[in-house]
């Protein structure tokens, strides 16, 4: 497993834990469209943005605030990786 793959896997695990912590009745798979689950609203979407920025020490530019970047755990992990975060902070 490459360092990049390992970092994305760690990122995905951290993101999944955050989402499942908010919605413990759900099991989130990396490729699952979390918006299709029906309980993601604009407030939680902003929580996701803030969580990613704080947890991974990245700034998500306005151009990256597209729903497709937040639709799945895989997409969010790829976004974090693209923005250059090495791993979760604290």
Protein backbone atom coordinates (compact mmCIF):
# COMPACT_ATOMS: atom_id res chain seq x y z
CA UNK A 1 0.00 0.00 0.00
CA UNK A 2 1.45 3.39 -0.97
CA UNK A 3 1.76 6.28 1.45
CA UNK A 4 -0.93 8.16 -0.48
CA UNK A 5 -3.34 5.22 -0.33
CA UNK A 6 -2.70 4.77 3.38
CA UNK A 7 -3.28 8.49 4.01
CA UNK A 8 -6.56 8.45 2.05
CA UNK A 9 -7.68 5.32 3.94
CA UNK A 10 -6.90 6.99 7.29
CA UNK A 11 -8.70 10.12 6.16
CA UNK A 12 -11.74 8.09 5.08
CA UNK A 13 -11.83 6.30 8.44
CA UNK A 14 -11.72 9.62 10.30
CA UNK A 15 -14.51 11.09 8.15
CA UNK A 16 -16.64 7.96 8.52
CA UNK A 17 -16.26 8.07 12.30
CA UNK A 18 -17.39 11.70 12.34
CA UNK A 19 -20.51 11.02 10.26
CA UNK A 20 -21.43 7.85 12.16
CA UNK A 21 -20.96 9.78 15.41
CA UNK A 22 -23.67 12.19 14.28
CA UNK A 23 -25.91 9.46 12.87
CA UNK A 24 -25.18 6.32 14.94
CA UNK A 25 -28.12 4.45 13.42
CA UNK A 26 -26.28 4.40 10.07
CA UNK A 27 -23.32 2.44 8.78
CA UNK A 28 -21.50 4.55 6.25
CA UNK A 29 -19.63 2.84 3.42
CA UNK A 30 -16.92 4.85 1.62
CA UNK A 31 -18.81 4.97 -1.69
CA UNK A 32 -22.28 5.55 -0.24
CA UNK A 33 -23.98 8.78 -1.31
CA UNK A 34 -24.64 10.32 2.10
CA UNK A 35 -27.00 12.90 0.63
CA UNK A 36 -29.26 10.09 -0.63
CA UNK A 37 -29.74 8.94 2.99
CA UNK A 38 -32.07 11.90 3.52
CA UNK A 39 -30.70 13.34 6.76
CA UNK A 40 -27.97 15.57 5.36
CA UNK A 41 -29.05 19.20 5.32
CA UNK A 42 -27.24 22.47 4.67
CA UNK A 43 -26.27 22.84 8.34
CA UNK A 44 -24.64 19.41 8.44
CA UNK A 45 -22.95 20.11 5.11
CA UNK A 46 -21.30 23.16 6.70
CA UNK A 47 -20.35 21.03 9.72
CA UNK A 48 -18.63 18.64 7.32
CA UNK A 49 -16.66 21.50 5.75
CA UNK A 50 -15.59 22.81 9.16
CA UNK A 51 -14.73 19.29 10.35
CA UNK A 52 -12.54 18.63 7.32
CA UNK A 53 -10.77 21.97 7.60
CA UNK A 54 -10.09 21.61 11.32
CA UNK A 55 -9.27 17.90 11.39
CA UNK A 56 -6.97 17.89 8.40
CA UNK A 57 -5.56 21.44 8.56
CA UNK A 58 -6.78 22.36 5.10
CA UNK A 59 -8.67 25.32 3.72
CA UNK A 60 -11.38 24.38 1.28
CA UNK A 61 -11.58 27.11 -1.36
CA UNK A 62 -14.96 28.26 -2.63
CA UNK A 63 -14.32 26.57 -5.98
CA UNK A 64 -14.16 23.20 -4.18
CA UNK A 65 -17.46 23.70 -2.30
CA UNK A 66 -19.36 21.53 -4.76
CA UNK A 67 -21.77 18.82 -3.64
CA UNK A 68 -19.83 16.17 -5.57
CA UNK A 69 -16.82 16.77 -3.28
CA UNK A 70 -18.97 15.91 -0.25
CA UNK A 71 -21.36 13.28 -1.62
CA UNK A 72 -19.32 10.29 -0.40
CA UNK A 73 -16.59 9.60 2.13
CA UNK A 74 -14.36 8.65 -0.81
CA UNK A 75 -14.95 12.05 -2.43
CA UNK A 76 -14.19 13.91 0.80
CA UNK A 77 -11.02 11.88 1.41
CA UNK A 78 -9.89 12.59 -2.17
CA UNK A 79 -10.60 16.31 -1.64
CA UNK A 80 -8.50 16.36 1.52
CA UNK A 81 -5.72 14.47 -0.26
CA UNK A 82 -5.86 16.87 -3.22
CA UNK A 83 -5.60 19.85 -0.86
CA UNK A 84 -2.47 18.34 0.59
CA UNK A 85 -3.34 17.23 4.10
CA UNK A 86 -1.01 14.50 5.38
CA UNK A 87 -3.32 13.06 8.08
CA UNK A 88 -5.75 14.05 10.80
CA UNK A 89 -4.61 16.72 13.22
CA UNK A 90 -5.18 16.07 16.95
